[in-house]
Full PDB file with SEQRES, HELIX, SHEET, SSBOND, CRYST1, ORIGX, SCALE, CONECT and MASTER records, all heavy atoms in Angstrom:
SEQRES   1 A   40  ARG SER ARG LEU ALA ILE VAL PRO GLN GLN LEU ASP LEU          
SEQRES   2 A   40  ILE ALA ASP ILE SER CYS MET GLU ASN VAL LEU LEU ASN          
SEQRES   3 A   40  ASN GLU ILE GLN PRO LYS PRO LEU TYR GLN HIS GLN ILE          
SEQRES   4 A   40  GLU                                                          
HELIX    1 AA1 CYS A   19  GLU A   28  1                                  10    
HELIX    2 AA2 GLN A   36  ILE A   39  1                                   4    
CRYST1    1.000    1.000    1.000  90.00  90.00  90.00 P 1           1          
ORIGX1      1.000000  0.000000  0.000000        0.00000                         
ORIGX2      0.000000  1.000000  0.000000        0.00000                         
ORIGX3      0.000000  0.000000  1.000000        0.00000                         
SCALE1      1.000000  0.000000  0.000000        0.00000                         
SCALE2      0.000000  1.000000  0.000000        0.00000                         
SCALE3      0.000000  0.000000  1.000000        0.00000                         
ATOM      1  N   ARG A   1       0.823  -1.219   0.000  1.00  0.00           N  
ATOM      2  CA  ARG A   1       0.000   0.000   0.000  1.00  0.00           C  
ATOM      3  C   ARG A   1       0.851   1.259   0.000  1.00  0.00           C  
ATOM      4  O   ARG A   1       0.383   2.328  -0.399  1.00  0.00           O  
ATOM      5  CB  ARG A   1      -0.937   0.011   1.211  1.00  0.00           C  
ATOM      6  CG  ARG A   1      -2.058  -1.007   1.121  1.00  0.00           C  
ATOM      7  CD  ARG A   1      -2.848  -1.037   2.412  1.00  0.00           C  
ATOM      8  NE  ARG A   1      -3.569   0.205   2.632  1.00  0.00           N  
ATOM      9  CZ  ARG A   1      -4.819   0.436   2.242  1.00  0.00           C  
ATOM     10  NH1 ARG A   1      -5.488  -0.501   1.608  1.00  0.00           N  
ATOM     11  NH2 ARG A   1      -5.407   1.586   2.502  1.00  0.00           N  
ATOM     12  N   SER A   2       2.091   1.151   0.472  1.00  0.00           N  
ATOM     13  CA  SER A   2       2.905   2.363   0.571  1.00  0.00           C  
ATOM     14  C   SER A   2       4.375   2.103   0.285  1.00  0.00           C  
ATOM     15  O   SER A   2       4.951   2.676  -0.632  1.00  0.00           O  
ATOM     16  CB  SER A   2       2.740   3.004   1.952  1.00  0.00           C  
ATOM     17  OG  SER A   2       3.049   2.071   2.966  1.00  0.00           O  
ATOM     18  N   ARG A   3       5.012   1.211   1.032  1.00  0.00           N  
ATOM     19  CA  ARG A   3       6.467   1.057   0.953  1.00  0.00           C  
ATOM     20  C   ARG A   3       6.931   0.316  -0.297  1.00  0.00           C  
ATOM     21  O   ARG A   3       8.071   0.471  -0.729  1.00  0.00           O  
ATOM     22  CB  ARG A   3       6.986   0.333   2.196  1.00  0.00           C  
ATOM     23  CG  ARG A   3       6.744   1.065   3.512  1.00  0.00           C  
ATOM     24  CD  ARG A   3       7.150   0.213   4.686  1.00  0.00           C  
ATOM     25  NE  ARG A   3       8.561  -0.110   4.656  1.00  0.00           N  
ATOM     26  CZ  ARG A   3       9.100  -1.142   5.303  1.00  0.00           C  
ATOM     27  NH1 ARG A   3       8.339  -1.961   6.001  1.00  0.00           N  
ATOM     28  NH2 ARG A   3      10.406  -1.356   5.229  1.00  0.00           N  
ATOM     29  N   LEU A   4       6.080  -0.515  -0.889  1.00  0.00           N  
ATOM     30  CA  LEU A   4       6.459  -1.331  -2.033  1.00  0.00           C  
ATOM     31  C   LEU A   4       5.506  -1.042  -3.186  1.00  0.00           C  
ATOM     32  O   LEU A   4       4.301  -1.242  -3.074  1.00  0.00           O  
ATOM     33  CB  LEU A   4       6.411  -2.816  -1.652  1.00  0.00           C  
ATOM     34  CG  LEU A   4       7.033  -3.832  -2.620  1.00  0.00           C  
ATOM     35  CD1 LEU A   4       7.333  -5.134  -1.869  1.00  0.00           C  
ATOM     36  CD2 LEU A   4       6.131  -4.134  -3.804  1.00  0.00           C  
ATOM     37  N   ALA A   5       6.043  -0.544  -4.288  1.00  0.00           N  
ATOM     38  CA  ALA A   5       5.245  -0.274  -5.483  1.00  0.00           C  
ATOM     39  C   ALA A   5       5.649  -1.270  -6.566  1.00  0.00           C  
ATOM     40  O   ALA A   5       6.799  -1.722  -6.618  1.00  0.00           O  
ATOM     41  CB  ALA A   5       5.473   1.154  -5.967  1.00  0.00           C  
ATOM     42  N   ILE A   6       4.698  -1.600  -7.428  1.00  0.00           N  
ATOM     43  CA  ILE A   6       4.994  -2.582  -8.476  1.00  0.00           C  
ATOM     44  C   ILE A   6       4.253  -2.232  -9.760  1.00  0.00           C  
ATOM     45  O   ILE A   6       3.100  -1.785  -9.723  1.00  0.00           O  
ATOM     46  CB  ILE A   6       4.633  -4.022  -8.007  1.00  0.00           C  
ATOM     47  CG1 ILE A   6       4.988  -5.052  -9.089  1.00  0.00           C  
ATOM     48  CG2 ILE A   6       3.177  -4.122  -7.567  1.00  0.00           C  
ATOM     49  CD1 ILE A   6       4.920  -6.480  -8.618  1.00  0.00           C  
ATOM     50  N   VAL A   7       4.950  -2.410 -10.878  1.00  0.00           N  
ATOM     51  CA  VAL A   7       4.319  -2.404 -12.191  1.00  0.00           C  
ATOM     52  C   VAL A   7       4.399  -3.833 -12.702  1.00  0.00           C  
ATOM     53  O   VAL A   7       5.436  -4.264 -13.200  1.00  0.00           O  
ATOM     54  CB  VAL A   7       5.011  -1.437 -13.166  1.00  0.00           C  
ATOM     55  CG1 VAL A   7       4.364  -1.521 -14.549  1.00  0.00           C  
ATOM     56  CG2 VAL A   7       4.939  -0.004 -12.647  1.00  0.00           C  
ATOM     57  N   PRO A   8       3.324  -4.618 -12.537  1.00  0.00           N  
ATOM     58  CA  PRO A   8       3.371  -6.020 -12.955  1.00  0.00           C  
ATOM     59  C   PRO A   8       3.286  -6.139 -14.471  1.00  0.00           C  
ATOM     60  O   PRO A   8       2.774  -5.242 -15.155  1.00  0.00           O  
ATOM     61  CB  PRO A   8       2.140  -6.626 -12.274  1.00  0.00           C  
ATOM     62  CG  PRO A   8       1.184  -5.483 -12.161  1.00  0.00           C  
ATOM     63  CD  PRO A   8       2.033  -4.247 -11.956  1.00  0.00           C  
ATOM     64  N   GLN A   9       3.771  -7.247 -14.976  1.00  0.00           N  
ATOM     65  CA  GLN A   9       3.744  -7.442 -16.424  1.00  0.00           C  
ATOM     66  C   GLN A   9       2.305  -7.456 -16.946  1.00  0.00           C  
ATOM     67  O   GLN A   9       2.033  -6.976 -18.050  1.00  0.00           O  
ATOM     68  CB  GLN A   9       4.456  -8.745 -16.794  1.00  0.00           C  
ATOM     69  CG  GLN A   9       4.725  -8.879 -18.268  1.00  0.00           C  
ATOM     70  CD  GLN A   9       5.572 -10.091 -18.593  1.00  0.00           C  
ATOM     71  OE1 GLN A   9       5.289 -10.811 -19.546  1.00  0.00           O  
ATOM     72  NE2 GLN A   9       6.597 -10.358 -17.819  1.00  0.00           N  
ATOM     73  N   GLN A  10       1.365  -7.976 -16.148  1.00  0.00           N  
ATOM     74  CA  GLN A  10      -0.031  -8.032 -16.584  1.00  0.00           C  
ATOM     75  C   GLN A  10      -0.761  -6.721 -16.329  1.00  0.00           C  
ATOM     76  O   GLN A  10      -1.938  -6.585 -16.668  1.00  0.00           O  
ATOM     77  CB  GLN A  10      -0.765  -9.194 -15.917  1.00  0.00           C  
ATOM     78  CG  GLN A  10      -0.938  -9.068 -14.417  1.00  0.00           C  
ATOM     79  CD  GLN A  10       0.229  -9.627 -13.617  1.00  0.00           C  
ATOM     80  OE1 GLN A  10       1.356  -9.709 -14.123  1.00  0.00           O  
ATOM     81  NE2 GLN A  10      -0.023 -10.008 -12.382  1.00  0.00           N  
ATOM     82  N   LEU A  11      -0.113  -5.750 -15.695  1.00  0.00           N  
ATOM     83  CA  LEU A  11      -0.544  -4.364 -15.490  1.00  0.00           C  
ATOM     84  C   LEU A  11      -1.665  -4.190 -14.465  1.00  0.00           C  
ATOM     85  O   LEU A  11      -1.662  -3.237 -13.700  1.00  0.00           O  
ATOM     86  CB  LEU A  11      -0.929  -3.708 -16.822  1.00  0.00           C  
ATOM     87  CG  LEU A  11       0.203  -3.706 -17.867  1.00  0.00           C  
ATOM     88  CD1 LEU A  11      -0.299  -3.138 -19.187  1.00  0.00           C  
ATOM     89  CD2 LEU A  11       1.402  -2.932 -17.364  1.00  0.00           C  
ATOM     90  N   ASP A  12      -2.665  -5.082 -14.442  1.00  0.00           N  
ATOM     91  CA  ASP A  12      -3.702  -5.074 -13.402  1.00  0.00           C  
ATOM     92  C   ASP A  12      -4.482  -3.759 -13.321  1.00  0.00           C  
ATOM     93  O   ASP A  12      -4.823  -3.296 -12.236  1.00  0.00           O  
ATOM     94  CB  ASP A  12      -3.089  -5.382 -12.025  1.00  0.00           C  
ATOM     95  CG  ASP A  12      -2.612  -6.822 -11.908  1.00  0.00           C  
ATOM     96  OD1 ASP A  12      -3.043  -7.651 -12.735  1.00  0.00           O  
ATOM     97  OD2 ASP A  12      -1.812  -7.111 -11.002  1.00  0.00           O  
ATOM     98  N   LEU A  13      -4.775  -3.166 -14.455  1.00  0.00           N  
ATOM     99  CA  LEU A  13      -5.653  -1.987 -14.467  1.00  0.00           C  
ATOM    100  C   LEU A  13      -7.109  -2.445 -14.378  1.00  0.00           C  
ATOM    101  O   LEU A  13      -7.474  -3.488 -14.920  1.00  0.00           O  
ATOM    102  CB  LEU A  13      -5.426  -1.170 -15.734  1.00  0.00           C  
ATOM    103  CG  LEU A  13      -4.024  -0.569 -15.912  1.00  0.00           C  
ATOM    104  CD1 LEU A  13      -3.928   0.106 -17.274  1.00  0.00           C  
ATOM    105  CD2 LEU A  13      -3.697   0.408 -14.803  1.00  0.00           C  
ATOM    106  N   ILE A  14      -7.930  -1.666 -13.692  1.00  0.00           N  
ATOM    107  CA  ILE A  14      -9.351  -1.989 -13.566  1.00  0.00           C  
ATOM    108  C   ILE A  14     -10.049  -1.560 -14.852  1.00  0.00           C  
ATOM    109  O   ILE A  14      -9.990  -0.394 -15.251  1.00  0.00           O  
ATOM    110  CB  ILE A  14      -9.955  -1.285 -12.346  1.00  0.00           C  
ATOM    111  CG1 ILE A  14      -9.230  -1.753 -11.068  1.00  0.00           C  
ATOM    112  CG2 ILE A  14     -11.456  -1.589 -12.240  1.00  0.00           C  
ATOM    113  CD1 ILE A  14      -9.616  -0.980  -9.830  1.00  0.00           C  
ATOM    114  N   ALA A  15     -10.744  -2.508 -15.489  1.00  0.00           N  
ATOM    115  CA  ALA A  15     -11.216  -2.304 -16.859  1.00  0.00           C  
ATOM    116  C   ALA A  15     -12.338  -1.290 -16.986  1.00  0.00           C  
ATOM    117  O   ALA A  15     -12.436  -0.593 -18.008  1.00  0.00           O  
ATOM    118  CB  ALA A  15     -11.665  -3.643 -17.448  1.00  0.00           C  
ATOM    119  N   ASP A  16     -13.199  -1.174 -15.971  1.00  0.00           N  
ATOM    120  CA  ASP A  16     -14.421  -0.381 -16.149  1.00  0.00           C  
ATOM    121  C   ASP A  16     -14.362   1.000 -15.522  1.00  0.00           C  
ATOM    122  O   ASP A  16     -15.394   1.652 -15.328  1.00  0.00           O  
ATOM    123  CB  ASP A  16     -15.631  -1.151 -15.619  1.00  0.00           C  
ATOM    124  CG  ASP A  16     -15.503  -1.518 -14.147  1.00  0.00           C  
ATOM    125  OD1 ASP A  16     -14.412  -1.281 -13.577  1.00  0.00           O  
ATOM    126  OD2 ASP A  16     -16.482  -2.033 -13.581  1.00  0.00           O  
ATOM    127  N   ILE A  17     -13.165   1.478 -15.187  1.00  0.00           N  
ATOM    128  CA  ILE A  17     -13.003   2.874 -14.758  1.00  0.00           C  
ATOM    129  C   ILE A  17     -11.903   3.503 -15.609  1.00  0.00           C  
ATOM    130  O   ILE A  17     -11.089   2.797 -16.211  1.00  0.00           O  
ATOM    131  CB  ILE A  17     -12.683   3.001 -13.255  1.00  0.00           C  
ATOM    132  CG1 ILE A  17     -11.339   2.334 -12.916  1.00  0.00           C  
ATOM    133  CG2 ILE A  17     -13.804   2.414 -12.423  1.00  0.00           C  
ATOM    134  CD1 ILE A  17     -10.909   2.547 -11.465  1.00  0.00           C  
ATOM    135  N   SER A  18     -11.870   4.811 -15.660  1.00  0.00           N  
ATOM    136  CA  SER A  18     -10.930   5.495 -16.551  1.00  0.00           C  
ATOM    137  C   SER A  18      -9.486   5.320 -16.097  1.00  0.00           C  
ATOM    138  O   SER A  18      -9.212   4.916 -14.958  1.00  0.00           O  
ATOM    139  CB  SER A  18     -11.256   6.991 -16.610  1.00  0.00           C  
ATOM    140  OG  SER A  18     -10.888   7.622 -15.388  1.00  0.00           O  
ATOM    141  N   CYS A  19      -8.590   5.639 -16.993  1.00  0.00           N  
ATOM    142  CA  CYS A  19      -7.155   5.556 -16.672  1.00  0.00           C  
ATOM    143  C   CYS A  19      -6.808   6.469 -15.503  1.00  0.00           C  
ATOM    144  O   CYS A  19      -6.061   6.078 -14.600  1.00  0.00           O  
ATOM    145  CB  CYS A  19      -6.323   5.921 -17.897  1.00  0.00           C  
ATOM    146  SG  CYS A  19      -6.423   4.703 -19.235  1.00  0.00           S  
ATOM    147  N   MET A  20      -7.337   7.681 -15.502  1.00  0.00           N  
ATOM    148  CA  MET A  20      -7.082   8.587 -14.386  1.00  0.00           C  
ATOM    149  C   MET A  20      -7.643   8.017 -13.090  1.00  0.00           C  
ATOM    150  O   MET A  20      -6.993   8.088 -12.034  1.00  0.00           O  
ATOM    151  CB  MET A  20      -7.678   9.965 -14.666  1.00  0.00           C  
ATOM    152  CG  MET A  20      -7.561  10.938 -13.489  1.00  0.00           C  
ATOM    153  SD  MET A  20      -5.843  11.274 -12.975  1.00  0.00           S  
ATOM    154  CE  MET A  20      -5.414  12.606 -14.112  1.00  0.00           C  
ATOM    155  N   GLU A  21      -8.826   7.445 -13.118  1.00  0.00           N  
ATOM    156  CA  GLU A  21      -9.416   6.864 -11.908  1.00  0.00           C  
ATOM    157  C   GLU A  21      -8.583   5.700 -11.396  1.00  0.00           C  
ATOM    158  O   GLU A  21      -8.465   5.496 -10.182  1.00  0.00           O  
ATOM    159  CB  GLU A  21     -10.855   6.436 -12.189  1.00  0.00           C  
ATOM    160  CG  GLU A  21     -11.815   7.602 -12.353  1.00  0.00           C  
ATOM    161  CD  GLU A  21     -13.189   7.180 -12.838  1.00  0.00           C  
ATOM    162  OE1 GLU A  21     -13.263   6.273 -13.695  1.00  0.00           O  
ATOM    163  OE2 GLU A  21     -14.183   7.752 -12.368  1.00  0.00           O  
ATOM    164  N   ASN A  22      -7.995   4.920 -12.296  1.00  0.00           N  
ATOM    165  CA  ASN A  22      -7.086   3.855 -11.881  1.00  0.00           C  
ATOM    166  C   ASN A  22      -5.924   4.419 -11.078  1.00  0.00           C  
ATOM    167  O   ASN A  22      -5.532   3.866 -10.057  1.00  0.00           O  
ATOM    168  CB  ASN A  22      -6.555   3.102 -13.108  1.00  0.00           C  
ATOM    169  CG  ASN A  22      -7.382   1.888 -13.472  1.00  0.00           C  
ATOM    170  OD1 ASN A  22      -7.188   0.804 -12.940  1.00  0.00           O  
ATOM    171  ND2 ASN A  22      -8.328   2.088 -14.388  1.00  0.00           N  
ATOM    172  N   VAL A  23      -5.379   5.517 -11.544  1.00  0.00           N  
ATOM    173  CA  VAL A  23      -4.257   6.154 -10.855  1.00  0.00           C  
ATOM    174  C   VAL A  23      -4.708   6.745  -9.528  1.00  0.00           C  
ATOM    175  O   VAL A  23      -4.054   6.584  -8.493  1.00  0.00           O  
ATOM    176  CB  VAL A  23      -3.619   7.235 -11.749  1.00  0.00           C  
ATOM    177  CG1 VAL A  23      -2.540   7.997 -10.983  1.00  0.00           C  
ATOM    178  CG2 VAL A  23      -3.026   6.607 -13.009  1.00  0.00           C  
ATOM    179  N   LEU A  24      -5.857   7.420  -9.535  1.00  0.00           N  
ATOM    180  CA  LEU A  24      -6.341   8.086  -8.331  1.00  0.00           C  
ATOM    181  C   LEU A  24      -6.677   7.089  -7.222  1.00  0.00           C  
ATOM    182  O   LEU A  24      -6.513   7.402  -6.035  1.00  0.00           O  
ATOM    183  CB  LEU A  24      -7.565   8.945  -8.656  1.00  0.00           C  
ATOM    184  CG  LEU A  24      -7.306  10.183  -9.503  1.00  0.00           C  
ATOM    185  CD1 LEU A  24      -8.615  10.895  -9.830  1.00  0.00           C  
ATOM    186  CD2 LEU A  24      -6.337  11.143  -8.806  1.00  0.00           C  
ATOM    187  N   LEU A  25      -7.134   5.900  -7.589  1.00  0.00           N  
ATOM    188  CA  LEU A  25      -7.439   4.889  -6.573  1.00  0.00           C  
ATOM    189  C   LEU A  25      -6.206   4.585  -5.728  1.00  0.00           C  
ATOM    190  O   LEU A  25      -6.289   4.450  -4.504  1.00  0.00           O  
ATOM    191  CB  LEU A  25      -7.947   3.606  -7.239  1.00  0.00           C  
ATOM    192  CG  LEU A  25      -9.438   3.501  -7.518  1.00  0.00           C  
ATOM    193  CD1 LEU A  25      -9.746   2.169  -8.184  1.00  0.00           C  
ATOM    194  CD2 LEU A  25     -10.255   3.646  -6.249  1.00  0.00           C  
ATOM    195  N   ASN A  26      -5.060   4.459  -6.377  1.00  0.00           N  
ATOM    196  CA  ASN A  26      -3.821   4.200  -5.645  1.00  0.00           C  
ATOM    197  C   ASN A  26      -3.355   5.456  -4.920  1.00  0.00           C  
ATOM    198  O   ASN A  26      -2.868   5.400  -3.785  1.00  0.00           O  
ATOM    199  CB  ASN A  26      -2.729   3.705  -6.600  1.00  0.00           C  
ATOM    200  CG  ASN A  26      -1.506   3.196  -5.863  1.00  0.00           C  
ATOM    201  OD1 ASN A  26      -1.613   2.540  -4.835  1.00  0.00           O  
ATOM    202  ND2 ASN A  26      -0.330   3.493  -6.389  1.00  0.00           N  
ATOM    203  N   ASN A  27      -3.525   6.587  -5.565  1.00  0.00           N  
ATOM    204  CA  ASN A  27      -3.061   7.846  -4.973  1.00  0.00           C  
ATOM    205  C   ASN A  27      -3.794   8.162  -3.669  1.00  0.00           C  
ATOM    206  O   ASN A  27      -3.187   8.633  -2.697  1.00  0.00           O  
ATOM    207  CB  ASN A  27      -3.269   8.973  -5.984  1.00  0.00           C  
ATOM    208  CG  ASN A  27      -2.719  10.300  -5.508  1.00  0.00           C  
ATOM    209  OD1 ASN A  27      -1.531  10.433  -5.220  1.00  0.00           O  
ATOM    210  ND2 ASN A  27      -3.586  11.303  -5.428  1.00  0.00           N  
ATOM    211  N   GLU A  28      -5.088   7.892  -3.626  1.00  0.00           N  
ATOM    212  CA  GLU A  28      -5.910   8.311  -2.494  1.00  0.00           C  
ATOM    213  C   GLU A  28      -5.612   7.539  -1.206  1.00  0.00           C  
ATOM    214  O   GLU A  28      -5.955   8.005  -0.119  1.00  0.00           O  
ATOM    215  CB  GLU A  28      -7.391   8.175  -2.858  1.00  0.00           C  
ATOM    216  CG  GLU A  28      -7.851   9.226  -3.870  1.00  0.00           C  
ATOM    217  CD  GLU A  28      -9.206   8.924  -4.471  1.00  0.00           C  
ATOM    218  OE1 GLU A  28      -9.779   7.857  -4.138  1.00  0.00           O  
ATOM    219  OE2 GLU A  28      -9.682   9.735  -5.284  1.00  0.00           O  
ATOM    220  N   ILE A  29      -4.989   6.370  -1.315  1.00  0.00           N  
ATOM    221  CA  ILE A  29      -4.684   5.589  -0.101  1.00  0.00           C  
ATOM    222  C   ILE A  29      -3.276   5.871   0.424  1.00  0.00           C  
ATOM    223  O   ILE A  29      -2.864   5.280   1.420  1.00  0.00           O  
ATOM    224  CB  ILE A  29      -4.852   4.076  -0.342  1.00  0.00           C  
ATOM    225  CG1 ILE A  29      -3.845   3.568  -1.384  1.00  0.00           C  
ATOM    226  CG2 ILE A  29      -6.281   3.752  -0.745  1.00  0.00           C  
ATOM    227  CD1 ILE A  29      -3.840   2.053  -1.535  1.00  0.00           C  
ATOM    228  N   GLN A  30      -2.551   6.799  -0.232  1.00  0.00           N  
ATOM    229  CA  GLN A  30      -1.193   7.100   0.194  1.00  0.00           C  
ATOM    230  C   GLN A  30      -1.194   8.091   1.361  1.00  0.00           C  
ATOM    231  O   GLN A  30      -2.081   8.941   1.468  1.00  0.00           O  
ATOM    232  CB  GLN A  30      -0.383   7.678  -0.975  1.00  0.00           C  
ATOM    233  CG  GLN A  30      -0.285   6.758  -2.179  1.00  0.00           C  
ATOM    234  CD  GLN A  30       0.205   5.372  -1.819  1.00  0.00           C  
ATOM    235  OE1 GLN A  30       1.191   5.217  -1.072  1.00  0.00           O  
ATOM    236  NE2 GLN A  30      -0.469   4.359  -2.343  1.00  0.00           N  
ATOM    237  N   PRO A  31      -0.198   7.986   2.232  1.00  0.00           N  
ATOM    238  CA  PRO A  31      -0.100   8.939   3.350  1.00  0.00           C  
ATOM    239  C   PRO A  31      -0.004  10.391   2.878  1.00  0.00           C  
ATOM    240  O   PRO A  31      -0.549  11.292   3.514  1.00  0.00           O  
ATOM    241  CB  PRO A  31       1.186   8.501   4.068  1.00  0.00           C  
ATOM    242  CG  PRO A  31       1.379   7.074   3.690  1.00  0.00           C  
ATOM    243  CD  PRO A  31       0.847   6.951   2.291  1.00  0.00           C  
ATOM    244  N   LYS A  32       0.689  10.602   1.755  1.00  0.00           N  
ATOM    245  CA  LYS A  32       0.810  11.941   1.192  1.00  0.00           C  
ATOM    246  C   LYS A  32       0.433  11.890  -0.294  1.00  0.00           C  
ATOM    247  O   LYS A  32       1.299  11.830  -1.168  1.00  0.00           O  
ATOM    248  CB  LYS A  32       2.244  12.467   1.356  1.00  0.00           C  
ATOM    249  CG  LYS A  32       2.660  12.684   2.807  1.00  0.00           C  
ATOM    250  CD  LYS A  32       4.067  13.239   2.897  1.00  0.00           C  
ATOM    251  CE  LYS A  32       4.473  13.488   4.348  1.00  0.00           C  
ATOM    252  NZ  LYS A  32       5.851  14.034   4.444  1.00  0.00           N  
ATOM    253  N   PRO A  33      -0.861  11.903  -0.575  1.00  0.00           N  
ATOM    254  CA  PRO A  33      -1.283  11.800  -1.978  1.00  0.00           C  
ATOM    255  C   PRO A  33      -0.830  12.999  -2.807  1.00  0.00           C  
ATOM    256  O   PRO A  33      -0.677  14.109  -2.293  1.00  0.00           O  
ATOM    257  CB  PRO A  33      -2.809  11.732  -1.883  1.00  0.00           C  
ATOM    258  CG  PRO A  33      -3.149  12.309  -0.556  1.00  0.00           C  
ATOM    259  CD  PRO A  33      -1.999  12.000   0.346  1.00  0.00           C  
ATOM    260  N   LEU A  34      -0.610  12.747  -4.085  1.00  0.00           N  
ATOM    261  CA  LEU A  34      -0.253  13.823  -5.002  1.00  0.00           C  
ATOM    262  C   LEU A  34      -1.493  14.639  -5.347  1.00  0.00           C  
ATOM    263  O   LEU A  34      -2.621  14.160  -5.269  1.00  0.00           O  
ATOM    264  CB  LEU A  34       0.348  13.234  -6.286  1.00  0.00           C  
ATOM    265  CG  LEU A  34       1.612  12.396  -6.153  1.00  0.00           C  
ATOM    266  CD1 LEU A  34       2.034  11.874  -7.526  1.00  0.00           C  
ATOM    267  CD2 LEU A  34       2.747  13.180  -5.514  1.00  0.00           C  
ATOM    268  N   TYR A  35      -1.260  15.889  -5.747  1.00  0.00           N  
ATOM    269  CA  TYR A  35      -2.348  16.702  -6.281  1.00  0.00           C  
ATOM    270  C   TYR A  35      -2.664  16.214  -7.701  1.00  0.00           C  
ATOM    271  O   TYR A  35      -1.779  15.717  -8.413  1.00  0.00           O  
ATOM    272  CB  TYR A  35      -1.963  18.174  -6.313  1.00  0.00           C  
ATOM    273  CG  TYR A  35      -1.811  18.799  -4.939  1.00  0.00           C  
ATOM    274  CD1 TYR A  35      -0.546  19.126  -4.444  1.00  0.00           C  
ATOM    275  CD2 TYR A  35      -2.932  19.049  -4.143  1.00  0.00           C  
ATOM    276  CE1 TYR A  35      -0.402  19.690  -3.188  1.00  0.00           C  
ATOM    277  CE2 TYR A  35      -2.794  19.612  -2.883  1.00  0.00           C  
ATOM    278  CZ  TYR A  35      -1.531  19.930  -2.408  1.00  0.00           C  
ATOM    279  OH  TYR A  35      -1.387  20.484  -1.166  1.00  0.00           O  
ATOM    280  N   GLN A  36      -3.902  16.383  -8.122  1.00  0.00           N  
ATOM    281  CA  GLN A  36      -4.284  15.876  -9.426  1.00  0.00           C  
ATOM    282  C   GLN A  36      -3.477  16.543 -10.543  1.00  0.00           C  
ATOM    283  O   GLN A  36      -3.143  15.892 -11.539  1.00  0.00           O  
ATOM    284  CB  GLN A  36      -5.786  16.056  -9.680  1.00  0.00           C  
ATOM    285  CG  GLN A  36      -6.241  15.418 -10.987  1.00  0.00           C  
ATOM    286  CD  GLN A  36      -7.729  15.125 -11.021  1.00  0.00           C  
ATOM    287  OE1 GLN A  36      -8.347  14.927  -9.995  1.00  0.00           O  
ATOM    288  NE2 GLN A  36      -8.302  15.106 -12.221  1.00  0.00           N  
ATOM    289  N   HIS A  37      -3.131  17.826 -10.378  1.00  0.00           N  
ATOM    290  CA  HIS A  37      -2.359  18.488 -11.441  1.00  0.00           C  
ATOM    291  C   HIS A  37      -0.960  17.872 -11.569  1.00  0.00           C  
ATOM    292  O   HIS A  37      -0.369  17.873 -12.659  1.00  0.00           O  
ATOM    293  CB  HIS A  37      -2.281  19.998 -11.202  1.00  0.00           C  
ATOM    294  CG  HIS A  37      -1.380  20.408 -10.072  1.00  0.00           C  
ATOM    295  ND1 HIS A  37      -0.017  20.561 -10.212  1.00  0.00           N  
ATOM    296  CD2 HIS A  37      -1.655  20.700  -8.774  1.00  0.00           C  
ATOM    297  CE1 HIS A  37       0.514  20.924  -9.061  1.00  0.00           C  
ATOM    298  NE2 HIS A  37      -0.455  21.019  -8.167  1.00  0.00           N  
ATOM    299  N   GLN A  38      -0.423  17.310 -10.469  1.00  0.00           N  
ATOM    300  CA  GLN A  38       0.868  16.624 -10.544  1.00  0.00           C  
ATOM    301  C   GLN A  38       0.740  15.334 -11.354  1.00  0.00           C  
ATOM    302  O   GLN A  38       1.630  14.985 -12.134  1.00  0.00           O  
ATOM    303  CB  GLN A  38       1.380  16.314  -9.141  1.00  0.00           C  
ATOM    304  CG  GLN A  38       1.748  17.540  -8.320  1.00  0.00           C  
ATOM    305  CD  GLN A  38       2.120  17.189  -6.888  1.00  0.00           C  
ATOM    306  OE1 GLN A  38       1.286  16.704  -6.121  1.00  0.00           O  
ATOM    307  NE2 GLN A  38       3.382  17.408  -6.533  1.00  0.00           N  
ATOM    308  N   ILE A  39      -0.366  14.642 -11.161  1.00  0.00           N  
ATOM    309  CA  ILE A  39      -0.609  13.409 -11.914  1.00  0.00           C  
ATOM    310  C   ILE A  39      -0.834  13.729 -13.389  1.00  0.00           C  
ATOM    311  O   ILE A  39      -0.300  13.052 -14.278  1.00  0.00           O  
ATOM    312  CB  ILE A  39      -1.813  12.656 -11.320  1.00  0.00           C  
ATOM    313  CG1 ILE A  39      -1.500  12.229  -9.882  1.00  0.00           C  
ATOM    314  CG2 ILE A  39      -2.159  11.440 -12.169  1.00  0.00           C  
ATOM    315  CD1 ILE A  39      -2.674  11.634  -9.143  1.00  0.00           C  
ATOM    316  N   GLU A  40      -1.583  14.780 -13.657  1.00  0.00           N  
ATOM    317  CA  GLU A  40      -1.810  15.182 -15.044  1.00  0.00           C  
ATOM    318  C   GLU A  40      -0.499  15.546 -15.725  1.00  0.00           C  
ATOM    319  O   GLU A  40      -0.299  15.260 -16.917  1.00  0.00           O  
ATOM    320  CB  GLU A  40      -2.779  16.362 -15.091  1.00  0.00           C  
ATOM    321  CG  GLU A  40      -4.202  15.997 -14.695  1.00  0.00           C  
ATOM    322  CD  GLU A  40      -5.111  17.207 -14.598  1.00  0.00           C  
ATOM    323  OE1 GLU A  40      -4.603  18.350 -14.704  1.00  0.00           O  
ATOM    324  OE2 GLU A  40      -6.330  17.012 -14.399  1.00  0.00           O  
TER     325      GLU A  40                                                      
MASTER        0    0    0    2    0    0    0    6  324    1    0    4          
END                                                                             
């Protein structure tokens, strides 16, 4: 959830939400989430 990040070969993106929402799901559980403009 925080100390170990991974980009798996199968990618594991959630199919029925947008690419940005996929990113935000991970961002929102971080102790210090990024601002959306940083992600953009």
